[in-house]
Amino acid sequence: MSPESTKSKAGLVLTGGGARAAYQVGVLKAVRELLPLPEKNPFPIVCGTSAGAINAATLAVFADDFGTAVDTPARSLGELSRSSRLSLRSARDRPRGRCAGSQR
C-alpha cells in the first residue's frame, strides 16, 4: 500500500433540516477563518441529507475554492431570510374578512 492510501482523511456529514443548514454554514465560515489556507477545502469527503445535501453539493461544486463554497449558501440564506420577512409582512398587512357563518 502507498503512504497516501493509509493516510487518514476527514469527512464531513451534514444533516437535514433548514435551521441546521443555516447553522452548518456558520460553522463552515468559522472553519474557514481558522484555516491557514482558507482557499483549500479541508474535507475531501462530504455527504449530506436534505438541506445538508444542498450544502454538501455546494462544497463539492466549489471544491477548488472553499471561500466561495462557504459564501454561496450564506448569500442564499440571506436572500431567503429577506424574502421570508417580506412575505410575512405582506401577509400581516392583508385585510382579514369574516368566514361565512361566523357570529362576531
Protein backbone atom coordinates (compact mmCIF):
# COMPACT_ATOMS: atom_id res chain seq x y z
CA MET A 1 0.00 0.00 0.00
CA SER A 2 1.13 3.52 -0.74
CA PRO A 3 1.51 6.05 2.11
CA GLU A 4 -1.31 8.11 0.56
CA SER A 5 -3.82 5.26 0.83
CA THR A 6 -3.13 4.75 4.56
CA LYS A 7 -3.29 8.45 5.42
CA SER A 8 -6.45 9.35 7.36
CA LYS A 9 -8.95 11.69 5.78
CA ALA A 10 -11.53 13.95 7.39
CA GLY A 11 -15.09 13.54 6.19
CA LEU A 12 -17.95 15.93 6.70
CA VAL A 13 -21.52 14.70 7.26
CA LEU A 14 -24.22 17.38 7.04
CA THR A 15 -27.65 16.50 8.42
CA GLY A 16 -31.03 17.63 7.16
CA GLY A 17 -33.24 20.44 8.37
CA GLY A 18 -33.49 24.07 7.31
CA ALA A 19 -32.27 25.56 10.59
CA ARG A 20 -29.41 23.05 10.77
CA ALA A 21 -28.36 24.03 7.25
CA ALA A 22 -28.06 27.63 8.40
CA TYR A 23 -26.02 26.58 11.44
CA GLN A 24 -23.81 24.46 9.19
CA VAL A 25 -22.96 27.50 7.09
CA GLY A 26 -22.00 29.40 10.25
CA VAL A 27 -19.72 26.57 11.39
CA LEU A 28 -18.15 26.31 7.94
CA LYS A 29 -17.46 30.06 8.00
CA ALA A 30 -15.68 29.63 11.36
CA VAL A 31 -13.67 26.69 9.97
CA ARG A 32 -12.64 28.85 7.00
CA GLU A 33 -11.41 31.58 9.34
CA LEU A 34 -9.33 29.08 11.35
CA LEU A 35 -7.62 27.50 8.34
CA PRO A 36 -4.08 28.51 7.39
CA LEU A 37 -5.07 28.14 3.69
CA PRO A 38 -8.75 29.14 3.61
CA GLU A 39 -8.98 28.61 -0.15
CA LYS A 40 -8.35 24.85 0.19
CA ASN A 41 -11.31 22.66 1.15
CA PRO A 42 -10.24 20.66 4.24
CA PHE A 43 -12.87 17.97 3.66
CA PRO A 44 -12.06 15.54 0.84
CA ILE A 45 -15.23 13.60 1.64
CA VAL A 46 -18.60 15.36 2.02
CA CYS A 47 -22.12 13.97 2.23
CA GLY A 48 -25.46 15.23 3.42
CA THR A 49 -29.17 14.65 3.72
CA SER A 50 -31.91 17.02 2.60
CA ALA A 51 -30.82 20.62 3.32
CA GLY A 52 -27.41 19.30 4.39
CA ALA A 53 -27.08 17.69 0.95
CA ILE A 54 -27.51 21.12 -0.64
CA ASN A 55 -24.62 22.44 1.46
CA ALA A 56 -22.56 19.32 0.69
CA ALA A 57 -23.22 19.70 -3.05
CA THR A 58 -22.13 23.35 -2.88
CA LEU A 59 -18.88 22.31 -1.15
CA ALA A 60 -18.33 19.73 -3.89
CA VAL A 61 -19.09 22.11 -6.76
CA PHE A 62 -16.67 24.71 -5.38
CA ALA A 63 -14.08 22.16 -4.18
CA ASP A 64 -11.26 24.33 -5.55
CA ASP A 65 -12.38 27.42 -3.63
CA PHE A 66 -13.55 26.81 -0.05
CA GLY A 67 -14.27 30.52 0.49
CA THR A 68 -16.76 30.62 -2.38
CA ALA A 69 -18.20 27.27 -1.28
CA VAL A 70 -19.00 28.78 2.13
CA ASP A 71 -20.16 32.19 0.88
CA THR A 72 -22.59 30.83 -1.73
CA PRO A 73 -25.09 29.23 0.69
CA ALA A 74 -24.60 32.13 3.11
CA ARG A 75 -25.77 34.56 0.41
CA SER A 76 -28.69 32.29 -0.49
CA LEU A 77 -29.78 32.07 3.15
CA GLY A 78 -29.60 35.86 3.43
CA GLU A 79 -31.81 36.27 0.37
CA LEU A 80 -34.24 33.66 1.66
CA SER A 81 -34.40 35.39 5.01
CA ARG A 82 -35.19 38.75 3.38
CA SER A 83 -37.92 37.26 1.16
CA SER A 84 -39.45 35.44 4.15
CA ARG A 85 -39.66 38.68 6.10
CA LEU A 86 -41.31 40.38 3.12
CA SER A 87 -43.90 37.66 2.70
CA LEU A 88 -44.68 37.64 6.44
CA ARG A 89 -45.09 41.40 6.39
CA SER A 90 -47.42 41.32 3.36
CA ALA A 91 -49.50 38.51 4.94
CA ARG A 92 -49.83 40.54 8.14
CA ASP A 93 -51.00 43.63 6.22
CA ARG A 94 -53.75 41.83 4.29
CA PRO A 95 -57.27 42.71 5.35
CA ARG A 96 -58.98 39.96 7.28
CA GLY A 97 -62.55 39.09 6.48
CA ARG A 98 -65.08 37.01 8.30
CA CYS A 99 -65.69 33.41 7.42
CA ALA A 100 -69.15 32.54 6.19
CA GLY A 101 -71.45 31.88 9.12
CA SER A 102 -69.21 33.46 11.78
CA GLN A 103 -71.01 35.36 14.51
CA ARG A 104 -68.86 38.29 15.64
